């Protein structure tokens, strides 16, 4: 099975008639005050959503935090202090 390419703004066509996935751009940034918190947002699709690395928090998602942190580091947008 070959993978279908995603294009911004287009609807992904699944093999199942009743399902579809919409691709969109997500902006990711590190919180200015709490360096162990990352925000995700997308215009008109996703309200600002917190992903953090605090074990007692409702928004504790360690794997997602790690991956988003790596993206920010690779783009030079991560600050340790």
PDB file of N, CA and C in Angstrom:
ATOM      1  N   UNK A   1       0.843  -1.174   0.000  1.00  0.00           N
ATOM      2  CA  UNK A   1       0.000   0.000   0.000  1.00  0.00           C
ATOM      3  C   UNK A   1       0.892   1.242   0.000  1.00  0.00           C
ATOM      4  N   UNK A   2       0.692   2.111  -0.957  1.00  0.00           N
ATOM      5  CA  UNK A   2       1.494   3.333  -1.012  1.00  0.00           C
ATOM      6  C   UNK A   2       0.823   4.414  -0.166  1.00  0.00           C
ATOM      7  N   UNK A   3       1.648   5.277   0.408  1.00  0.00           N
ATOM      8  CA  UNK A   3       1.125   6.352   1.238  1.00  0.00           C
ATOM      9  C   UNK A   3       0.685   7.508   0.350  1.00  0.00           C
ATOM     10  N   UNK A   4      -0.406   8.144   0.744  1.00  0.00           N
ATOM     11  CA  UNK A   4      -0.883   9.301  -0.001  1.00  0.00           C
ATOM     12  C   UNK A   4      -0.176  10.550   0.498  1.00  0.00           C
ATOM     13  N   UNK A   5       0.241  11.411  -0.416  1.00  0.00           N
ATOM     14  CA  UNK A   5       0.880  12.672  -0.044  1.00  0.00           C
ATOM     15  C   UNK A   5      -0.151  13.624   0.541  1.00  0.00           C
ATOM     16  N   UNK A   6       0.247  14.390   1.553  1.00  0.00           N
ATOM     17  CA  UNK A   6      -0.618  15.406   2.129  1.00  0.00           C
ATOM     18  C   UNK A   6      -0.256  16.753   1.536  1.00  0.00           C
ATOM     19  N   UNK A   7      -1.258  17.520   1.177  1.00  0.00           N
ATOM     20  CA  UNK A   7      -1.055  18.867   0.668  1.00  0.00           C
ATOM     21  C   UNK A   7      -1.875  19.823   1.520  1.00  0.00           C
ATOM     22  N   UNK A   8      -1.308  20.964   1.852  1.00  0.00           N
ATOM     23  CA  UNK A   8      -1.956  21.927   2.731  1.00  0.00           C
ATOM     24  C   UNK A   8      -3.323  22.328   2.183  1.00  0.00           C
ATOM     25  N   UNK A   9      -4.326  22.244   3.022  1.00  0.00           N
ATOM     26  CA  UNK A   9      -5.663  22.683   2.659  1.00  0.00           C
ATOM     27  C   UNK A   9      -6.498  21.660   1.915  1.00  0.00           C
ATOM     28  N   UNK A  10      -5.917  20.548   1.524  1.00  0.00           N
ATOM     29  CA  UNK A  10      -6.680  19.534   0.816  1.00  0.00           C
ATOM     30  C   UNK A  10      -7.145  18.456   1.785  1.00  0.00           C
ATOM     31  N   UNK A  11      -8.224  17.815   1.453  1.00  0.00           N
ATOM     32  CA  UNK A  11      -8.773  16.755   2.294  1.00  0.00           C
ATOM     33  C   UNK A  11      -8.149  15.426   1.895  1.00  0.00           C
ATOM     34  N   UNK A  12      -7.652  14.694   2.867  1.00  0.00           N
ATOM     35  CA  UNK A  12      -7.085  13.360   2.642  1.00  0.00           C
ATOM     36  C   UNK A  12      -8.226  12.397   2.356  1.00  0.00           C
ATOM     37  N   UNK A  13      -8.157  11.709   1.257  1.00  0.00           N
ATOM     38  CA  UNK A  13      -9.196  10.754   0.870  1.00  0.00           C
ATOM     39  C   UNK A  13      -8.811   9.360   1.369  1.00  0.00           C
ATOM     40  N   UNK A  14      -9.610   8.830   2.245  1.00  0.00           N
ATOM     41  CA  UNK A  14      -9.377   7.501   2.791  1.00  0.00           C
ATOM     42  C   UNK A  14     -10.028   6.452   1.899  1.00  0.00           C
ATOM     43  N   UNK A  15      -9.631   5.194   2.073  1.00  0.00           N
ATOM     44  CA  UNK A  15     -10.277   4.093   1.358  1.00  0.00           C
ATOM     45  C   UNK A  15     -11.694   3.867   1.865  1.00  0.00           C
ATOM     46  N   UNK A  16     -11.961   4.307   3.085  1.00  0.00           N
ATOM     47  CA  UNK A  16     -13.288   4.159   3.673  1.00  0.00           C
ATOM     48  C   UNK A  16     -14.148   5.357   3.272  1.00  0.00           C
ATOM     49  N   UNK A  17     -15.328   5.097   2.808  1.00  0.00           N
ATOM     50  CA  UNK A  17     -16.197   6.173   2.346  1.00  0.00           C
ATOM     51  C   UNK A  17     -16.623   7.111   3.471  1.00  0.00           C
ATOM     52  N   UNK A  18     -16.757   6.581   4.670  1.00  0.00           N
ATOM     53  CA  UNK A  18     -17.292   7.376   5.771  1.00  0.00           C
ATOM     54  C   UNK A  18     -16.231   8.171   6.536  1.00  0.00           C
ATOM     55  N   UNK A  19     -14.976   8.079   6.137  1.00  0.00           N
ATOM     56  CA  UNK A  19     -13.944   8.777   6.897  1.00  0.00           C
ATOM     57  C   UNK A  19     -13.151   9.729   6.010  1.00  0.00           C
ATOM     58  N   UNK A  20     -12.596  10.754   6.659  1.00  0.00           N
ATOM     59  CA  UNK A  20     -11.709  11.684   5.969  1.00  0.00           C
ATOM     60  C   UNK A  20     -10.837  12.368   7.008  1.00  0.00           C
ATOM     61  N   UNK A  21      -9.687  12.816   6.599  1.00  0.00           N
ATOM     62  CA  UNK A  21      -8.775  13.532   7.471  1.00  0.00           C
ATOM     63  C   UNK A  21      -8.408  14.835   6.783  1.00  0.00           C
ATOM     64  N   UNK A  22      -8.476  15.930   7.505  1.00  0.00           N
ATOM     65  CA  UNK A  22      -8.112  17.229   6.951  1.00  0.00           C
ATOM     66  C   UNK A  22      -6.737  17.597   7.488  1.00  0.00           C
ATOM     67  N   UNK A  23      -5.822  17.958   6.614  1.00  0.00           N
ATOM     68  CA  UNK A  23      -4.496  18.382   7.050  1.00  0.00           C
ATOM     69  C   UNK A  23      -4.484  19.899   7.205  1.00  0.00           C
ATOM     70  N   UNK A  24      -3.744  20.393   8.190  1.00  0.00           N
ATOM     71  CA  UNK A  24      -3.637  21.826   8.412  1.00  0.00           C
ATOM     72  C   UNK A  24      -2.305  22.122   9.084  1.00  0.00           C
ATOM     73  N   UNK A  25      -1.916  23.384   9.079  1.00  0.00           N
ATOM     74  CA  UNK A  25      -0.640  23.821   9.634  1.00  0.00           C
ATOM     75  C   UNK A  25      -0.807  24.112  11.118  1.00  0.00           C
ATOM     76  N   UNK A  26       0.126  23.613  11.925  1.00  0.00           N
ATOM     77  CA  UNK A  26       0.132  23.874  13.365  1.00  0.00           C
ATOM     78  C   UNK A  26       1.364  24.698  13.699  1.00  0.00           C
ATOM     79  N   UNK A  27       1.159  25.773  14.429  1.00  0.00           N
ATOM     80  CA  UNK A  27       2.269  26.580  14.924  1.00  0.00           C
ATOM     81  C   UNK A  27       2.599  26.102  16.340  1.00  0.00           C
ATOM     82  N   UNK A  28       3.884  25.914  16.613  1.00  0.00           N
ATOM     83  CA  UNK A  28       4.346  25.400  17.900  1.00  0.00           C
ATOM     84  C   UNK A  28       5.343  26.394  18.487  1.00  0.00           C
ATOM     85  N   UNK A  29       5.164  26.726  19.775  1.00  0.00           N
ATOM     86  CA  UNK A  29       6.118  27.620  20.419  1.00  0.00           C
ATOM     87  C   UNK A  29       6.244  27.310  21.899  1.00  0.00           C
ATOM     88  N   UNK A  30       7.393  27.662  22.452  1.00  0.00           N
ATOM     89  CA  UNK A  30       7.708  27.426  23.857  1.00  0.00           C
ATOM     90  C   UNK A  30       7.147  28.573  24.695  1.00  0.00           C
ATOM     91  N   UNK A  31       6.585  28.256  25.856  1.00  0.00           N
ATOM     92  CA  UNK A  31       6.071  29.267  26.770  1.00  0.00           C
ATOM     93  C   UNK A  31       7.220  30.136  27.270  1.00  0.00           C
ATOM     94  N   UNK A  32       6.998  31.435  27.376  1.00  0.00           N
ATOM     95  CA  UNK A  32       8.063  32.359  27.799  1.00  0.00           C
ATOM     96  C   UNK A  32       8.429  32.197  29.270  1.00  0.00           C
ATOM     97  N   UNK A  33       7.438  31.901  30.115  1.00  0.00           N
ATOM     98  CA  UNK A  33       7.678  31.823  31.558  1.00  0.00           C
ATOM     99  C   UNK A  33       8.011  30.415  32.035  1.00  0.00           C
ATOM    100  N   UNK A  34       7.330  29.431  31.509  1.00  0.00           N
ATOM    101  CA  UNK A  34       7.525  28.034  31.918  1.00  0.00           C
ATOM    102  C   UNK A  34       8.197  27.291  30.769  1.00  0.00           C
ATOM    103  N   UNK A  35       9.480  27.062  30.871  1.00  0.00           N
ATOM    104  CA  UNK A  35      10.257  26.464  29.775  1.00  0.00           C
ATOM    105  C   UNK A  35       9.912  24.995  29.515  1.00  0.00           C
ATOM    106  N   UNK A  36       9.152  24.377  30.411  1.00  0.00           N
ATOM    107  CA  UNK A  36       8.731  22.988  30.230  1.00  0.00           C
ATOM    108  C   UNK A  36       7.289  22.917  29.713  1.00  0.00           C
ATOM    109  N   UNK A  37       6.873  23.969  29.011  1.00  0.00           N
ATOM    110  CA  UNK A  37       5.522  24.031  28.459  1.00  0.00           C
ATOM    111  C   UNK A  37       5.612  24.466  26.997  1.00  0.00           C
ATOM    112  N   UNK A  38       4.898  23.765  26.123  1.00  0.00           N
ATOM    113  CA  UNK A  38       4.858  24.077  24.701  1.00  0.00           C
ATOM    114  C   UNK A  38       3.402  24.318  24.320  1.00  0.00           C
ATOM    115  N   UNK A  39       3.178  25.309  23.459  1.00  0.00           N
ATOM    116  CA  UNK A  39       1.841  25.621  22.980  1.00  0.00           C
ATOM    117  C   UNK A  39       1.717  25.256  21.512  1.00  0.00           C
ATOM    118  N   UNK A  40       0.565  24.689  21.144  1.00  0.00           N
ATOM    119  CA  UNK A  40       0.252  24.393  19.748  1.00  0.00           C
ATOM    120  C   UNK A  40      -0.987  25.201  19.399  1.00  0.00           C
ATOM    121  N   UNK A  41      -1.001  25.800  18.204  1.00  0.00           N
ATOM    122  CA  UNK A  41      -2.149  26.588  17.759  1.00  0.00           C
ATOM    123  C   UNK A  41      -2.216  26.553  16.239  1.00  0.00           C
ATOM    124  N   UNK A  42      -3.425  26.628  15.719  1.00  0.00           N
ATOM    125  CA  UNK A  42      -3.641  26.699  14.280  1.00  0.00           C
ATOM    126  C   UNK A  42      -4.849  27.586  14.029  1.00  0.00           C
ATOM    127  N   UNK A  43      -4.700  28.575  13.160  1.00  0.00           N
ATOM    128  CA  UNK A  43      -5.794  29.512  12.885  1.00  0.00           C
ATOM    129  C   UNK A  43      -7.038  28.781  12.423  1.00  0.00           C
ATOM    130  N   UNK A  44      -8.160  29.122  13.026  1.00  0.00           N
ATOM    131  CA  UNK A  44      -9.486  28.617  12.656  1.00  0.00           C
ATOM    132  C   UNK A  44      -9.677  27.115  12.823  1.00  0.00           C
ATOM    133  N   UNK A  45      -8.701  26.388  13.396  1.00  0.00           N
ATOM    134  CA  UNK A  45      -8.841  24.942  13.562  1.00  0.00           C
ATOM    135  C   UNK A  45      -8.612  24.525  15.008  1.00  0.00           C
ATOM    136  N   UNK A  46      -7.495  24.937  15.588  1.00  0.00           N
ATOM    137  CA  UNK A  46      -7.090  24.467  16.914  1.00  0.00           C
ATOM    138  C   UNK A  46      -6.853  25.652  17.837  1.00  0.00           C
ATOM    139  N   UNK A  47      -7.604  25.727  18.930  1.00  0.00           N
ATOM    140  CA  UNK A  47      -7.353  26.745  19.946  1.00  0.00           C
ATOM    141  C   UNK A  47      -5.996  26.472  20.581  1.00  0.00           C
ATOM    142  N   UNK A  48      -5.364  27.494  21.189  1.00  0.00           N
ATOM    143  CA  UNK A  48      -4.087  27.244  21.848  1.00  0.00           C
ATOM    144  C   UNK A  48      -4.186  26.058  22.809  1.00  0.00           C
ATOM    145  N   UNK A  49      -3.344  25.067  22.585  1.00  0.00           N
ATOM    146  CA  UNK A  49      -3.372  23.831  23.351  1.00  0.00           C
ATOM    147  C   UNK A  49      -2.021  23.641  24.028  1.00  0.00           C
ATOM    148  N   UNK A  50      -2.060  23.404  25.335  1.00  0.00           N
ATOM    149  CA  UNK A  50      -0.834  23.257  26.121  1.00  0.00           C
ATOM    150  C   UNK A  50      -0.380  21.807  26.162  1.00  0.00           C
ATOM    151  N   UNK A  51       0.915  21.606  25.934  1.00  0.00           N
ATOM    152  CA  UNK A  51       1.576  20.312  26.112  1.00  0.00           C
ATOM    153  C   UNK A  51       2.726  20.584  27.072  1.00  0.00           C
ATOM    154  N   UNK A  52       2.756  19.893  28.216  1.00  0.00           N
ATOM    155  CA  UNK A  52       3.847  20.190  29.143  1.00  0.00           C
ATOM    156  C   UNK A  52       4.540  18.919  29.631  1.00  0.00           C
ATOM    157  N   UNK A  53       5.580  19.136  30.411  1.00  0.00           N
ATOM    158  CA  UNK A  53       6.411  18.051  30.924  1.00  0.00           C
ATOM    159  C   UNK A  53       6.326  17.986  32.448  1.00  0.00           C
ATOM    160  N   UNK A  54       5.149  18.294  33.004  1.00  0.00           N
ATOM    161  CA  UNK A  54       4.915  18.285  34.447  1.00  0.00           C
ATOM    162  C   UNK A  54       4.080  17.054  34.806  1.00  0.00           C
ATOM    163  N   UNK A  55       4.658  16.050  35.475  1.00  0.00           N
ATOM    164  CA  UNK A  55       3.975  14.768  35.725  1.00  0.00           C
ATOM    165  C   UNK A  55       2.599  14.863  36.389  1.00  0.00           C
ATOM    166  N   UNK A  56       2.330  15.850  37.216  1.00  0.00           N
ATOM    167  CA  UNK A  56       1.048  15.935  37.907  1.00  0.00           C
ATOM    168  C   UNK A  56       0.004  16.735  37.141  1.00  0.00           C
ATOM    169  N   UNK A  57       0.323  17.176  35.931  1.00  0.00           N
ATOM    170  CA  UNK A  57      -0.580  18.026  35.161  1.00  0.00           C
ATOM    171  C   UNK A  57      -1.504  17.228  34.250  1.00  0.00           C
ATOM    172  N   UNK A  58      -2.685  17.781  33.996  1.00  0.00           N
ATOM    173  CA  UNK A  58      -3.625  17.184  33.052  1.00  0.00           C
ATOM    174  C   UNK A  58      -3.037  17.200  31.643  1.00  0.00           C
ATOM    175  N   UNK A  59      -2.205  18.192  31.347  1.00  0.00           N
ATOM    176  CA  UNK A  59      -1.620  18.363  30.019  1.00  0.00           C
ATOM    177  C   UNK A  59      -0.239  17.719  29.894  1.00  0.00           C
ATOM    178  N   UNK A  60       0.054  16.760  30.751  1.00  0.00           N
ATOM    179  CA  UNK A  60       1.335  16.045  30.736  1.00  0.00           C
ATOM    180  C   UNK A  60       1.326  15.014  29.616  1.00  0.00           C
ATOM    181  N   UNK A  61       2.117  15.284  28.588  1.00  0.00           N
ATOM    182  CA  UNK A  61       2.245  14.376  27.444  1.00  0.00           C
ATOM    183  C   UNK A  61       3.735  14.259  27.134  1.00  0.00           C
ATOM    184  N   UNK A  62       4.462  13.403  27.861  1.00  0.00           N
ATOM    185  CA  UNK A  62       5.918  13.391  27.756  1.00  0.00           C
ATOM    186  C   UNK A  62       6.454  13.077  26.359  1.00  0.00           C
ATOM    187  N   UNK A  63       5.857  12.135  25.656  1.00  0.00           N
ATOM    188  CA  UNK A  63       6.370  11.761  24.330  1.00  0.00           C
ATOM    189  C   UNK A  63       6.136  12.888  23.328  1.00  0.00           C
ATOM    190  N   UNK A  64       4.930  13.466  23.356  1.00  0.00           N
ATOM    191  CA  UNK A  64       4.639  14.572  22.447  1.00  0.00           C
ATOM    192  C   UNK A  64       5.519  15.779  22.786  1.00  0.00           C
ATOM    193  N   UNK A  65       5.691  16.054  24.081  1.00  0.00           N
ATOM    194  CA  UNK A  65       6.552  17.158  24.508  1.00  0.00           C
ATOM    195  C   UNK A  65       7.964  16.951  23.978  1.00  0.00           C
ATOM    196  N   UNK A  66       8.480  15.734  24.113  1.00  0.00           N
ATOM    197  CA  UNK A  66       9.833  15.425  23.652  1.00  0.00           C
ATOM    198  C   UNK A  66       9.966  15.660  22.148  1.00  0.00           C
ATOM    199  N   UNK A  67       8.989  15.198  21.383  1.00  0.00           N
ATOM    200  CA  UNK A  67       9.059  15.351  19.927  1.00  0.00           C
ATOM    201  C   UNK A  67       8.938  16.803  19.499  1.00  0.00           C
ATOM    202  N   UNK A  68       8.013  17.551  20.122  1.00  0.00           N
ATOM    203  CA  UNK A  68       7.874  18.964  19.789  1.00  0.00           C
ATOM    204  C   UNK A  68       9.116  19.748  20.208  1.00  0.00           C
ATOM    205  N   UNK A  69       9.694  19.384  21.337  1.00  0.00           N
ATOM    206  CA  UNK A  69      10.921  20.030  21.806  1.00  0.00           C
ATOM    207  C   UNK A  69      12.044  19.814  20.794  1.00  0.00           C
ATOM    208  N   UNK A  70      12.154  18.601  20.259  1.00  0.00           N
ATOM    209  CA  UNK A  70      13.178  18.300  19.253  1.00  0.00           C
ATOM    210  C   UNK A  70      12.979  19.131  17.989  1.00  0.00           C
ATOM    211  N   UNK A  71      11.722  19.350  17.608  1.00  0.00           N
ATOM    212  CA  UNK A  71      11.427  20.193  16.440  1.00  0.00           C
ATOM    213  C   UNK A  71      11.895  21.621  16.703  1.00  0.00           C
ATOM    214  N   UNK A  72      11.557  22.149  17.882  1.00  0.00           N
ATOM    215  CA  UNK A  72      11.957  23.508  18.224  1.00  0.00           C
ATOM    216  C   UNK A  72      13.476  23.645  18.313  1.00  0.00           C
ATOM    217  N   UNK A  73      14.147  22.634  18.858  1.00  0.00           N
ATOM    218  CA  UNK A  73      15.608  22.654  18.943  1.00  0.00           C
ATOM    219  C   UNK A  73      16.216  22.671  17.542  1.00  0.00           C
ATOM    220  N   UNK A  74      15.693  21.831  16.649  1.00  0.00           N
ATOM    221  CA  UNK A  74      16.240  21.752  15.292  1.00  0.00           C
ATOM    222  C   UNK A  74      16.043  23.060  14.527  1.00  0.00           C
ATOM    223  N   UNK A  75      15.022  23.830  14.899  1.00  0.00           N
ATOM    224  CA  UNK A  75      14.769  25.120  14.257  1.00  0.00           C
ATOM    225  C   UNK A  75      15.453  26.269  14.991  1.00  0.00           C
ATOM    226  N   UNK A  76      16.161  25.957  16.089  1.00  0.00           N
ATOM    227  CA  UNK A  76      16.847  26.993  16.856  1.00  0.00           C
ATOM    228  C   UNK A  76      15.906  27.884  17.650  1.00  0.00           C
ATOM    229  N   UNK A  77      14.718  27.365  18.003  1.00  0.00           N
ATOM    230  CA  UNK A  77      13.729  28.161  18.725  1.00  0.00           C
ATOM    231  C   UNK A  77      13.508  27.660  20.151  1.00  0.00           C
ATOM    232  N   UNK A  78      14.410  26.846  20.684  1.00  0.00           N
ATOM    233  CA  UNK A  78      14.273  26.325  22.042  1.00  0.00           C
ATOM    234  C   UNK A  78      15.267  27.030  22.957  1.00  0.00           C
ATOM    235  N   UNK A  79      14.796  27.453  24.143  1.00  0.00           N
ATOM    236  CA  UNK A  79      15.673  28.072  25.137  1.00  0.00           C
ATOM    237  C   UNK A  79      15.636  27.243  26.403  1.00  0.00           C
ATOM    238  N   UNK A  80      16.818  26.932  26.947  1.00  0.00           N
ATOM    239  CA  UNK A  80      16.882  26.158  28.183  1.00  0.00           C
ATOM    240  C   UNK A  80      16.693  27.044  29.408  1.00  0.00           C
ATOM    241  N   UNK A  81      17.046  28.287  29.332  1.00  0.00           N
ATOM    242  CA  UNK A  81      16.910  29.199  30.479  1.00  0.00           C
ATOM    243  C   UNK A  81      16.163  30.439  30.100  1.00  0.00           C
TER     244      UNK A  81
END
